[in-house]
N, C-alpha and C. Protein backbone atom coordinates (compact mmCIF):
# COMPACT_ATOMS: atom_id res chain seq x y z
N SER A 1 0.82 -1.20 0.00
CA SER A 1 0.00 0.00 0.00
C SER A 1 0.86 1.26 0.00
N ILE A 2 2.08 1.15 0.47
CA ILE A 2 2.97 2.31 0.47
C ILE A 2 3.33 2.68 -0.97
N SER A 3 3.58 1.67 -1.81
CA SER A 3 3.91 1.97 -3.20
C SER A 3 2.74 2.60 -3.93
N VAL A 4 1.52 2.22 -3.59
CA VAL A 4 0.34 2.81 -4.21
C VAL A 4 0.26 4.29 -3.84
N LYS A 5 0.51 4.59 -2.56
CA LYS A 5 0.50 6.00 -2.14
C LYS A 5 1.59 6.77 -2.86
N ALA A 6 2.75 6.19 -2.99
CA ALA A 6 3.86 6.86 -3.67
C ALA A 6 3.49 7.14 -5.11
N GLU A 7 2.81 6.18 -5.76
CA GLU A 7 2.41 6.39 -7.15
C GLU A 7 1.40 7.52 -7.26
N SER A 8 0.41 7.53 -6.37
CA SER A 8 -0.61 8.58 -6.46
C SER A 8 -0.01 9.94 -6.15
N VAL A 9 0.93 10.00 -5.22
CA VAL A 9 1.61 11.26 -4.92
C VAL A 9 2.48 11.67 -6.11
N ALA A 10 3.12 10.69 -6.73
CA ALA A 10 3.97 10.99 -7.88
C ALA A 10 3.13 11.47 -9.06
N GLU A 11 1.91 10.98 -9.19
CA GLU A 11 1.07 11.38 -10.31
C GLU A 11 0.59 12.81 -10.17
N ALA A 12 0.36 13.27 -8.95
CA ALA A 12 -0.16 14.62 -8.75
C ALA A 12 0.76 15.69 -9.34
N PRO A 13 2.09 15.65 -9.09
CA PRO A 13 2.93 16.68 -9.71
C PRO A 13 2.91 16.60 -11.23
N PHE A 14 2.84 15.37 -11.79
CA PHE A 14 2.79 15.26 -13.24
C PHE A 14 1.50 15.86 -13.78
N SER A 15 0.41 15.67 -13.06
CA SER A 15 -0.87 16.22 -13.50
C SER A 15 -0.81 17.74 -13.53
N THR A 16 -0.24 18.34 -12.47
CA THR A 16 -0.14 19.80 -12.47
C THR A 16 0.86 20.26 -13.51
N ALA A 17 1.91 19.47 -13.72
CA ALA A 17 2.86 19.82 -14.77
C ALA A 17 2.19 19.71 -16.13
N GLN A 18 1.28 18.74 -16.27
CA GLN A 18 0.56 18.58 -17.53
C GLN A 18 -0.29 19.81 -17.79
N LEU A 19 -0.90 20.37 -16.74
CA LEU A 19 -1.71 21.58 -16.92
C LEU A 19 -0.81 22.77 -17.26
N LYS A 20 0.36 22.87 -16.60
CA LYS A 20 1.30 23.94 -16.89
C LYS A 20 1.89 23.72 -18.28
N GLU A 21 2.16 22.48 -18.58
CA GLU A 21 2.70 22.05 -19.86
C GLU A 21 4.11 22.57 -20.11
N PHE A 22 4.50 22.44 -21.34
CA PHE A 22 5.80 22.78 -21.87
C PHE A 22 5.84 24.29 -22.06
N ASP A 23 6.77 24.98 -21.43
CA ASP A 23 6.84 26.43 -21.51
C ASP A 23 8.02 26.84 -22.38
N ILE A 24 7.90 27.98 -23.04
CA ILE A 24 8.97 28.44 -23.94
C ILE A 24 10.27 28.66 -23.18
N LYS A 25 10.19 29.02 -21.90
CA LYS A 25 11.40 29.25 -21.10
C LYS A 25 12.19 27.97 -20.90
N ASP A 26 11.51 26.82 -21.02
CA ASP A 26 12.20 25.54 -20.88
C ASP A 26 13.23 25.33 -21.99
N LEU A 27 13.06 26.04 -23.10
CA LEU A 27 13.99 25.89 -24.23
C LEU A 27 15.31 26.64 -24.00
N ASN A 28 15.38 27.47 -22.97
CA ASN A 28 16.60 28.23 -22.70
C ASN A 28 17.79 27.33 -22.35
N VAL A 29 17.55 26.07 -22.02
CA VAL A 29 18.66 25.17 -21.69
C VAL A 29 19.42 24.72 -22.94
N LEU A 30 18.84 24.92 -24.12
CA LEU A 30 19.55 24.57 -25.35
C LEU A 30 20.69 25.55 -25.56
N GLU A 31 21.91 25.03 -25.68
CA GLU A 31 23.08 25.90 -25.75
C GLU A 31 23.29 26.51 -27.12
N ASP A 32 23.00 25.76 -28.19
CA ASP A 32 23.20 26.25 -29.54
C ASP A 32 22.17 27.34 -29.84
N LYS A 33 22.67 28.55 -30.17
CA LYS A 33 21.79 29.70 -30.37
C LYS A 33 20.81 29.48 -31.52
N MET A 34 21.27 28.90 -32.62
CA MET A 34 20.40 28.65 -33.76
C MET A 34 19.33 27.62 -33.41
N ALA A 35 19.73 26.58 -32.71
CA ALA A 35 18.77 25.54 -32.31
C ALA A 35 17.73 26.12 -31.35
N ARG A 36 18.19 26.94 -30.41
CA ARG A 36 17.27 27.54 -29.44
C ARG A 36 16.27 28.45 -30.14
N GLY A 37 16.75 29.27 -31.07
CA GLY A 37 15.87 30.18 -31.81
C GLY A 37 14.86 29.42 -32.66
N THR A 38 15.33 28.39 -33.34
CA THR A 38 14.44 27.57 -34.16
C THR A 38 13.40 26.87 -33.29
N ALA A 39 13.85 26.36 -32.16
CA ALA A 39 12.94 25.66 -31.24
C ALA A 39 11.86 26.62 -30.72
N LYS A 40 12.27 27.83 -30.37
CA LYS A 40 11.31 28.81 -29.85
C LYS A 40 10.32 29.23 -30.94
N LYS A 41 10.81 29.38 -32.16
CA LYS A 41 9.92 29.75 -33.26
C LYS A 41 8.90 28.64 -33.50
N ALA A 42 9.35 27.40 -33.49
CA ALA A 42 8.44 26.25 -33.68
C ALA A 42 7.45 26.16 -32.52
N PHE A 43 7.93 26.42 -31.31
CA PHE A 43 7.07 26.38 -30.13
C PHE A 43 5.93 27.39 -30.25
N ILE A 44 6.26 28.63 -30.61
CA ILE A 44 5.25 29.69 -30.75
C ILE A 44 4.27 29.33 -31.86
N GLY A 45 4.79 28.84 -32.99
CA GLY A 45 3.91 28.46 -34.10
C GLY A 45 2.93 27.37 -33.69
N ALA A 46 3.44 26.37 -32.97
CA ALA A 46 2.58 25.27 -32.52
C ALA A 46 1.56 25.75 -31.49
N LYS A 47 1.99 26.66 -30.64
CA LYS A 47 1.08 27.20 -29.62
C LYS A 47 -0.07 27.95 -30.27
N ARG A 48 0.24 28.76 -31.27
CA ARG A 48 -0.79 29.54 -31.96
C ARG A 48 -1.76 28.65 -32.73
N SER A 49 -1.22 27.59 -33.35
CA SER A 49 -2.08 26.73 -34.18
C SER A 49 -2.71 25.59 -33.38
N GLY A 50 -2.31 25.44 -32.12
CA GLY A 50 -2.89 24.39 -31.29
C GLY A 50 -2.29 23.02 -31.51
N GLU A 51 -1.15 22.96 -32.19
CA GLU A 51 -0.49 21.67 -32.44
C GLU A 51 0.27 21.23 -31.20
N ASP A 52 0.81 20.01 -31.26
CA ASP A 52 1.64 19.49 -30.18
C ASP A 52 2.98 20.22 -30.21
N LYS A 53 3.28 20.97 -29.15
CA LYS A 53 4.49 21.80 -29.10
C LYS A 53 5.76 20.96 -29.12
N VAL A 54 5.74 19.85 -28.38
CA VAL A 54 6.93 18.99 -28.30
C VAL A 54 7.28 18.44 -29.68
N GLU A 55 6.27 17.94 -30.38
CA GLU A 55 6.52 17.37 -31.71
C GLU A 55 6.92 18.45 -32.71
N ALA A 56 6.36 19.63 -32.60
CA ALA A 56 6.71 20.72 -33.51
C ALA A 56 8.17 21.12 -33.33
N VAL A 57 8.62 21.21 -32.07
CA VAL A 57 10.02 21.56 -31.78
C VAL A 57 10.93 20.45 -32.28
N ARG A 58 10.55 19.20 -32.02
CA ARG A 58 11.36 18.06 -32.47
C ARG A 58 11.52 18.07 -33.99
N LYS A 59 10.42 18.30 -34.70
CA LYS A 59 10.44 18.31 -36.17
C LYS A 59 11.32 19.46 -36.69
N ALA A 60 11.16 20.65 -36.10
CA ALA A 60 11.92 21.82 -36.56
C ALA A 60 13.42 21.62 -36.35
N LEU A 61 13.80 21.09 -35.20
CA LEU A 61 15.22 20.87 -34.93
C LEU A 61 15.79 19.77 -35.82
N THR A 62 15.00 18.76 -36.12
CA THR A 62 15.45 17.69 -37.01
C THR A 62 15.66 18.23 -38.42
N GLU A 63 14.74 19.10 -38.88
CA GLU A 63 14.84 19.65 -40.23
C GLU A 63 16.12 20.46 -40.45
N ILE A 64 16.59 21.15 -39.41
CA ILE A 64 17.82 21.94 -39.58
C ILE A 64 19.06 21.19 -39.11
N GLY A 65 18.88 19.93 -38.71
CA GLY A 65 20.02 19.11 -38.30
C GLY A 65 20.58 19.49 -36.94
N LYS A 66 19.77 20.06 -36.06
CA LYS A 66 20.24 20.48 -34.74
C LYS A 66 19.60 19.68 -33.61
N PHE A 67 18.98 18.54 -33.95
CA PHE A 67 18.34 17.71 -32.93
C PHE A 67 19.41 16.82 -32.31
N ASP A 68 19.94 17.25 -31.16
CA ASP A 68 21.02 16.51 -30.50
C ASP A 68 20.50 15.85 -29.22
N ALA A 69 21.42 15.28 -28.46
CA ALA A 69 21.05 14.55 -27.25
C ALA A 69 20.40 15.47 -26.22
N ALA A 70 20.91 16.69 -26.08
CA ALA A 70 20.35 17.63 -25.11
C ALA A 70 18.90 17.97 -25.45
N ALA A 71 18.65 18.21 -26.74
CA ALA A 71 17.29 18.53 -27.18
C ALA A 71 16.38 17.33 -26.99
N GLU A 72 16.91 16.14 -27.29
CA GLU A 72 16.11 14.92 -27.14
C GLU A 72 15.74 14.70 -25.68
N ASP A 73 16.72 14.87 -24.78
CA ASP A 73 16.45 14.70 -23.35
C ASP A 73 15.39 15.70 -22.87
N LEU A 74 15.53 16.95 -23.30
CA LEU A 74 14.58 17.98 -22.91
C LEU A 74 13.17 17.62 -23.37
N LEU A 75 13.03 17.28 -24.64
CA LEU A 75 11.70 16.97 -25.18
C LEU A 75 11.13 15.68 -24.58
N ASN A 76 11.99 14.70 -24.35
CA ASN A 76 11.53 13.45 -23.74
C ASN A 76 11.06 13.67 -22.31
N SER A 77 11.64 14.65 -21.62
CA SER A 77 11.19 14.92 -20.24
C SER A 77 9.74 15.37 -20.22
N PHE A 78 9.29 16.02 -21.29
CA PHE A 78 7.88 16.45 -21.34
C PHE A 78 6.98 15.34 -21.85
N THR A 79 7.47 14.53 -22.79
CA THR A 79 6.62 13.45 -23.31
C THR A 79 6.52 12.33 -22.29
N SER A 80 7.57 12.06 -21.51
CA SER A 80 7.49 10.98 -20.52
C SER A 80 6.54 11.35 -19.39
N ALA A 81 6.48 12.63 -19.04
CA ALA A 81 5.53 13.06 -18.01
C ALA A 81 4.11 12.85 -18.50
N ALA A 82 3.88 13.12 -19.76
CA ALA A 82 2.54 12.94 -20.34
C ALA A 82 2.21 11.45 -20.44
N VAL A 83 3.20 10.61 -20.78
CA VAL A 83 2.96 9.18 -20.92
C VAL A 83 2.65 8.57 -19.57
N GLU A 84 3.36 8.99 -18.51
CA GLU A 84 3.13 8.42 -17.19
C GLU A 84 1.74 8.73 -16.68
N THR A 85 1.20 9.90 -16.99
CA THR A 85 -0.14 10.24 -16.51
C THR A 85 -1.22 9.72 -17.44
N SER A 86 -0.87 9.32 -18.65
CA SER A 86 -1.90 8.91 -19.61
C SER A 86 -2.48 7.54 -19.29
N ASP A 87 -1.80 6.68 -18.52
CA ASP A 87 -2.34 5.37 -18.19
C ASP A 87 -3.63 5.49 -17.37
N PRO A 88 -3.61 6.13 -16.18
CA PRO A 88 -4.84 6.19 -15.40
C PRO A 88 -5.87 7.17 -15.94
N VAL A 89 -5.45 8.17 -16.66
CA VAL A 89 -6.39 9.19 -17.13
C VAL A 89 -6.31 9.36 -18.64
N ALA A 90 -6.29 8.26 -19.37
CA ALA A 90 -6.18 8.34 -20.82
C ALA A 90 -7.35 9.09 -21.43
N ALA A 91 -8.53 8.93 -20.88
CA ALA A 91 -9.70 9.60 -21.42
C ALA A 91 -9.70 11.08 -21.05
N GLU A 92 -9.10 11.44 -19.91
CA GLU A 92 -9.11 12.83 -19.46
C GLU A 92 -8.02 13.66 -20.12
N LYS A 93 -6.95 13.05 -20.54
CA LYS A 93 -5.83 13.79 -21.11
C LYS A 93 -6.23 14.64 -22.32
N PRO A 94 -6.98 14.12 -23.32
CA PRO A 94 -7.39 14.98 -24.42
C PRO A 94 -8.27 16.13 -23.94
N ALA A 95 -9.11 15.88 -22.94
CA ALA A 95 -9.97 16.95 -22.43
C ALA A 95 -9.12 18.04 -21.80
N GLU A 96 -8.06 17.66 -21.05
CA GLU A 96 -7.17 18.65 -20.45
C GLU A 96 -6.49 19.47 -21.54
N SER A 97 -6.06 18.81 -22.60
CA SER A 97 -5.41 19.53 -23.69
C SER A 97 -6.37 20.52 -24.32
N ASN A 98 -7.63 20.10 -24.52
CA ASN A 98 -8.62 21.00 -25.10
C ASN A 98 -8.92 22.16 -24.17
N GLU A 99 -8.98 21.89 -22.86
CA GLU A 99 -9.22 22.97 -21.90
C GLU A 99 -8.05 23.94 -21.90
N ALA A 100 -6.83 23.42 -21.96
CA ALA A 100 -5.66 24.30 -21.98
C ALA A 100 -5.64 25.13 -23.26
N ALA A 101 -6.00 24.51 -24.39
CA ALA A 101 -6.04 25.24 -25.66
C ALA A 101 -7.13 26.29 -25.62
N ALA A 102 -8.27 25.97 -24.99
CA ALA A 102 -9.36 26.94 -24.90
C ALA A 102 -8.99 28.08 -23.97
N ALA A 103 -8.16 27.80 -22.96
CA ALA A 103 -7.77 28.85 -22.02
C ALA A 103 -6.77 29.81 -22.64
N GLU A 104 -5.89 29.33 -23.51
CA GLU A 104 -4.90 30.21 -24.12
C GLU A 104 -5.55 31.21 -25.07
N PRO A 105 -6.14 30.77 -26.19
CA PRO A 105 -6.90 31.73 -26.99
C PRO A 105 -8.37 31.60 -26.63
N PRO A 106 -8.92 32.48 -25.80
CA PRO A 106 -10.28 32.31 -25.31
C PRO A 106 -11.32 32.33 -26.42
N THR A 107 -10.94 32.71 -27.64
CA THR A 107 -11.89 32.81 -28.73
C THR A 107 -12.31 31.45 -29.26
N VAL A 108 -11.63 30.37 -28.87
CA VAL A 108 -11.99 29.04 -29.35
C VAL A 108 -13.41 28.69 -28.88
N VAL A 109 -13.82 29.21 -27.73
CA VAL A 109 -15.15 28.94 -27.20
C VAL A 109 -16.20 29.72 -27.98
N GLU A 110 -15.83 30.84 -28.52
CA GLU A 110 -16.73 31.71 -29.27
C GLU A 110 -17.05 31.10 -30.64
N PRO A 111 -17.75 31.81 -31.50
CA PRO A 111 -18.08 31.29 -32.83
C PRO A 111 -16.83 30.81 -33.57
N THR A 112 -16.99 29.77 -34.37
CA THR A 112 -15.85 29.13 -35.00
C THR A 112 -15.12 30.03 -35.98
N GLY A 113 -15.79 31.05 -36.52
CA GLY A 113 -15.14 31.95 -37.48
C GLY A 113 -14.21 32.93 -36.81
N ASP A 114 -14.28 33.07 -35.49
CA ASP A 114 -13.46 34.03 -34.77
C ASP A 114 -12.03 33.51 -34.62
N LEU A 115 -11.06 34.37 -34.85
CA LEU A 115 -9.65 34.00 -34.76
C LEU A 115 -9.16 34.14 -33.33
N PRO A 116 -8.06 33.46 -32.97
CA PRO A 116 -7.53 33.62 -31.61
C PRO A 116 -7.00 35.03 -31.40
N LEU A 117 -6.90 35.42 -30.14
CA LEU A 117 -6.41 36.75 -29.80
C LEU A 117 -5.00 36.92 -30.36
N PHE A 118 -4.77 38.06 -31.00
CA PHE A 118 -3.47 38.34 -31.61
C PHE A 118 -2.43 38.61 -30.53
N GLU A 119 -1.17 38.62 -30.92
CA GLU A 119 -0.08 38.90 -29.99
C GLU A 119 0.08 40.40 -29.81
N ILE A 120 0.52 40.83 -28.64
CA ILE A 120 0.70 42.25 -28.34
C ILE A 120 1.72 42.88 -29.28
N ALA A 121 2.69 42.10 -29.74
CA ALA A 121 3.73 42.61 -30.63
C ALA A 121 3.15 43.12 -31.95
N GLU A 122 1.96 42.65 -32.31
CA GLU A 122 1.34 43.10 -33.56
C GLU A 122 0.91 44.56 -33.48
N LEU A 123 0.89 45.12 -32.27
CA LEU A 123 0.56 46.54 -32.11
C LEU A 123 1.80 47.42 -32.32
N ASN A 124 2.96 46.81 -32.49
CA ASN A 124 4.20 47.58 -32.68
C ASN A 124 4.20 48.35 -33.99
N GLY A 125 3.28 48.05 -34.89
CA GLY A 125 3.17 48.78 -36.15
C GLY A 125 2.61 50.19 -35.96
N ILE A 126 2.05 50.47 -34.80
CA ILE A 126 1.53 51.80 -34.51
C ILE A 126 2.72 52.72 -34.25
N ASP A 127 2.85 53.76 -35.08
CA ASP A 127 4.02 54.64 -35.02
C ASP A 127 4.05 55.53 -33.79
N ASP A 128 2.94 56.18 -33.47
CA ASP A 128 2.90 57.12 -32.35
C ASP A 128 3.07 56.37 -31.03
N LYS A 129 4.06 56.79 -30.26
CA LYS A 129 4.41 56.10 -29.02
C LYS A 129 3.25 56.11 -28.01
N MET A 130 2.59 57.25 -27.87
CA MET A 130 1.49 57.34 -26.91
C MET A 130 0.31 56.46 -27.35
N THR A 131 0.00 56.50 -28.63
CA THR A 131 -1.10 55.68 -29.16
C THR A 131 -0.80 54.20 -28.96
N ARG A 132 0.45 53.81 -29.24
CA ARG A 132 0.86 52.41 -29.08
C ARG A 132 0.75 51.99 -27.61
N GLY A 133 1.16 52.87 -26.70
CA GLY A 133 1.07 52.58 -25.27
C GLY A 133 -0.36 52.40 -24.81
N ILE A 134 -1.24 53.29 -25.27
CA ILE A 134 -2.67 53.17 -24.93
C ILE A 134 -3.23 51.86 -25.47
N ALA A 135 -2.87 51.55 -26.72
CA ALA A 135 -3.37 50.33 -27.36
C ALA A 135 -2.90 49.09 -26.60
N LYS A 136 -1.63 49.08 -26.19
CA LYS A 136 -1.11 47.92 -25.46
C LYS A 136 -1.77 47.78 -24.09
N LYS A 137 -2.06 48.92 -23.45
CA LYS A 137 -2.73 48.89 -22.16
C LYS A 137 -4.14 48.29 -22.31
N ILE A 138 -4.85 48.71 -23.35
CA ILE A 138 -6.20 48.19 -23.62
C ILE A 138 -6.12 46.70 -23.96
N PHE A 139 -5.11 46.33 -24.76
CA PHE A 139 -4.92 44.92 -25.14
C PHE A 139 -4.73 44.05 -23.90
N MET A 140 -3.83 44.48 -22.99
CA MET A 140 -3.55 43.68 -21.80
C MET A 140 -4.78 43.55 -20.90
N ALA A 141 -5.57 44.63 -20.80
CA ALA A 141 -6.80 44.57 -20.00
C ALA A 141 -7.76 43.56 -20.62
N GLY A 142 -7.87 43.56 -21.94
CA GLY A 142 -8.73 42.61 -22.63
C GLY A 142 -8.24 41.19 -22.49
N LYS A 143 -6.93 41.01 -22.54
CA LYS A 143 -6.35 39.67 -22.41
C LYS A 143 -6.60 39.12 -21.00
N ARG A 144 -6.41 39.98 -19.99
CA ARG A 144 -6.67 39.55 -18.61
C ARG A 144 -8.14 39.17 -18.41
N ALA A 145 -9.03 39.91 -19.08
CA ALA A 145 -10.47 39.64 -18.97
C ALA A 145 -10.90 38.50 -19.89
N GLU A 146 -9.93 37.89 -20.59
CA GLU A 146 -10.17 36.78 -21.51
C GLU A 146 -11.21 37.13 -22.57
N LYS A 147 -11.08 38.34 -23.10
CA LYS A 147 -11.98 38.78 -24.17
C LYS A 147 -11.56 38.16 -25.49
N THR A 148 -12.49 38.15 -26.44
CA THR A 148 -12.21 37.62 -27.76
C THR A 148 -11.45 38.66 -28.58
N ARG A 149 -10.93 38.23 -29.70
CA ARG A 149 -10.21 39.11 -30.63
C ARG A 149 -11.10 40.28 -31.03
N VAL A 150 -12.34 39.99 -31.39
CA VAL A 150 -13.28 41.02 -31.85
C VAL A 150 -13.56 42.02 -30.73
N GLU A 151 -13.76 41.51 -29.51
CA GLU A 151 -14.03 42.39 -28.36
C GLU A 151 -12.84 43.29 -28.07
N VAL A 152 -11.62 42.74 -28.12
CA VAL A 152 -10.42 43.54 -27.84
C VAL A 152 -10.26 44.62 -28.91
N ILE A 153 -10.48 44.26 -30.17
CA ILE A 153 -10.35 45.25 -31.25
C ILE A 153 -11.41 46.35 -31.09
N ALA A 154 -12.63 45.97 -30.70
CA ALA A 154 -13.68 46.97 -30.45
C ALA A 154 -13.27 47.88 -29.29
N ASP A 155 -12.69 47.31 -28.24
CA ASP A 155 -12.21 48.11 -27.11
C ASP A 155 -11.09 49.05 -27.55
N LEU A 156 -10.19 48.54 -28.42
CA LEU A 156 -9.09 49.38 -28.93
C LEU A 156 -9.65 50.57 -29.70
N ARG A 157 -10.60 50.31 -30.58
CA ARG A 157 -11.21 51.41 -31.36
C ARG A 157 -11.87 52.43 -30.42
N ALA A 158 -12.65 51.94 -29.47
CA ALA A 158 -13.36 52.84 -28.55
C ALA A 158 -12.37 53.64 -27.70
N GLY A 159 -11.38 52.97 -27.14
CA GLY A 159 -10.42 53.65 -26.27
C GLY A 159 -9.57 54.66 -27.01
N LEU A 160 -9.12 54.30 -28.22
CA LEU A 160 -8.29 55.22 -29.00
C LEU A 160 -9.11 56.39 -29.53
N THR A 161 -10.37 56.14 -29.89
CA THR A 161 -11.24 57.22 -30.35
C THR A 161 -11.50 58.20 -29.21
N GLU A 162 -11.77 57.65 -28.02
CA GLU A 162 -12.02 58.48 -26.84
C GLU A 162 -10.80 59.35 -26.51
N ALA A 163 -9.60 58.80 -26.71
CA ALA A 163 -8.37 59.54 -26.44
C ALA A 163 -7.99 60.45 -27.61
N GLY A 164 -8.74 60.38 -28.70
CA GLY A 164 -8.43 61.19 -29.88
C GLY A 164 -7.18 60.72 -30.61
N LYS A 165 -6.88 59.43 -30.50
CA LYS A 165 -5.64 58.89 -31.07
C LYS A 165 -5.87 57.90 -32.21
N LEU A 166 -7.12 57.73 -32.66
CA LEU A 166 -7.40 56.77 -33.73
C LEU A 166 -7.26 57.46 -35.08
N ASP A 167 -6.06 57.35 -35.69
CA ASP A 167 -5.83 57.93 -37.02
C ASP A 167 -6.01 56.84 -38.08
N ASP A 168 -5.83 57.23 -39.35
CA ASP A 168 -6.05 56.29 -40.45
C ASP A 168 -5.08 55.10 -40.41
N ASP A 169 -3.80 55.37 -40.09
CA ASP A 169 -2.82 54.28 -40.03
C ASP A 169 -3.17 53.26 -38.95
N THR A 170 -3.52 53.77 -37.77
CA THR A 170 -3.88 52.89 -36.66
C THR A 170 -5.15 52.12 -36.99
N ASP A 171 -6.11 52.80 -37.63
CA ASP A 171 -7.35 52.14 -38.03
C ASP A 171 -7.05 51.01 -39.03
N GLY A 172 -6.10 51.26 -39.93
CA GLY A 172 -5.69 50.23 -40.90
C GLY A 172 -5.09 49.02 -40.20
N ILE A 173 -4.28 49.26 -39.18
CA ILE A 173 -3.68 48.16 -38.42
C ILE A 173 -4.77 47.35 -37.73
N LEU A 174 -5.75 48.05 -37.15
CA LEU A 174 -6.86 47.35 -36.48
C LEU A 174 -7.70 46.56 -37.48
N ASN A 175 -7.88 47.13 -38.68
CA ASN A 175 -8.61 46.40 -39.73
C ASN A 175 -7.88 45.12 -40.11
N ASN A 176 -6.54 45.21 -40.23
CA ASN A 176 -5.74 44.01 -40.55
C ASN A 176 -5.86 42.96 -39.45
N LEU A 177 -5.83 43.42 -38.20
CA LEU A 177 -5.96 42.48 -37.08
C LEU A 177 -7.34 41.83 -37.08
N GLU A 178 -8.34 42.62 -37.45
CA GLU A 178 -9.72 42.12 -37.49
C GLU A 178 -9.87 41.01 -38.53
N SER A 179 -9.21 41.21 -39.67
CA SER A 179 -9.32 40.22 -40.75
C SER A 179 -8.32 39.08 -40.59
N GLY A 180 -7.43 39.19 -39.61
CA GLY A 180 -6.47 38.11 -39.36
C GLY A 180 -5.21 38.20 -40.20
N ASN A 181 -4.93 39.36 -40.81
CA ASN A 181 -3.73 39.51 -41.64
C ASN A 181 -2.56 39.99 -40.84
């Protein structure tokens, strides 16, 4: 019975790690700068598209010939944690993944035509420093409130108009964000 307790205690950290999942900061252990950059780019791409981050990083590093033992150990540490928890909760694991994906871009719950919330860096195209700052502040408030892409863009328009900072260029950037370009 002691081993059973040890197993259940051991499963709990893996379950919470499964919810936290693979983080981009975990890639900082890769020493090769090119491999690290490629891995981070693949990680972000997979995160945005909802793909498996571990497999996306593995594929990207293999394609450029930078998949070495350190990268393999790192990626296996995340897949082995998932494999160990998948035995008792095989049916729950896909649900957890879907919940995590729904929590990241909250728009997945909304109508299917709605795109996920854009990245704050996409507001860097706004030239005026004050306008960009206001826009980023509104974006972060919307992100914290788990608003959809459309709601955040509507808030950006309203907030910038109220501040008298919505010019044609900024409006064009918001239009591009609205259409997903």
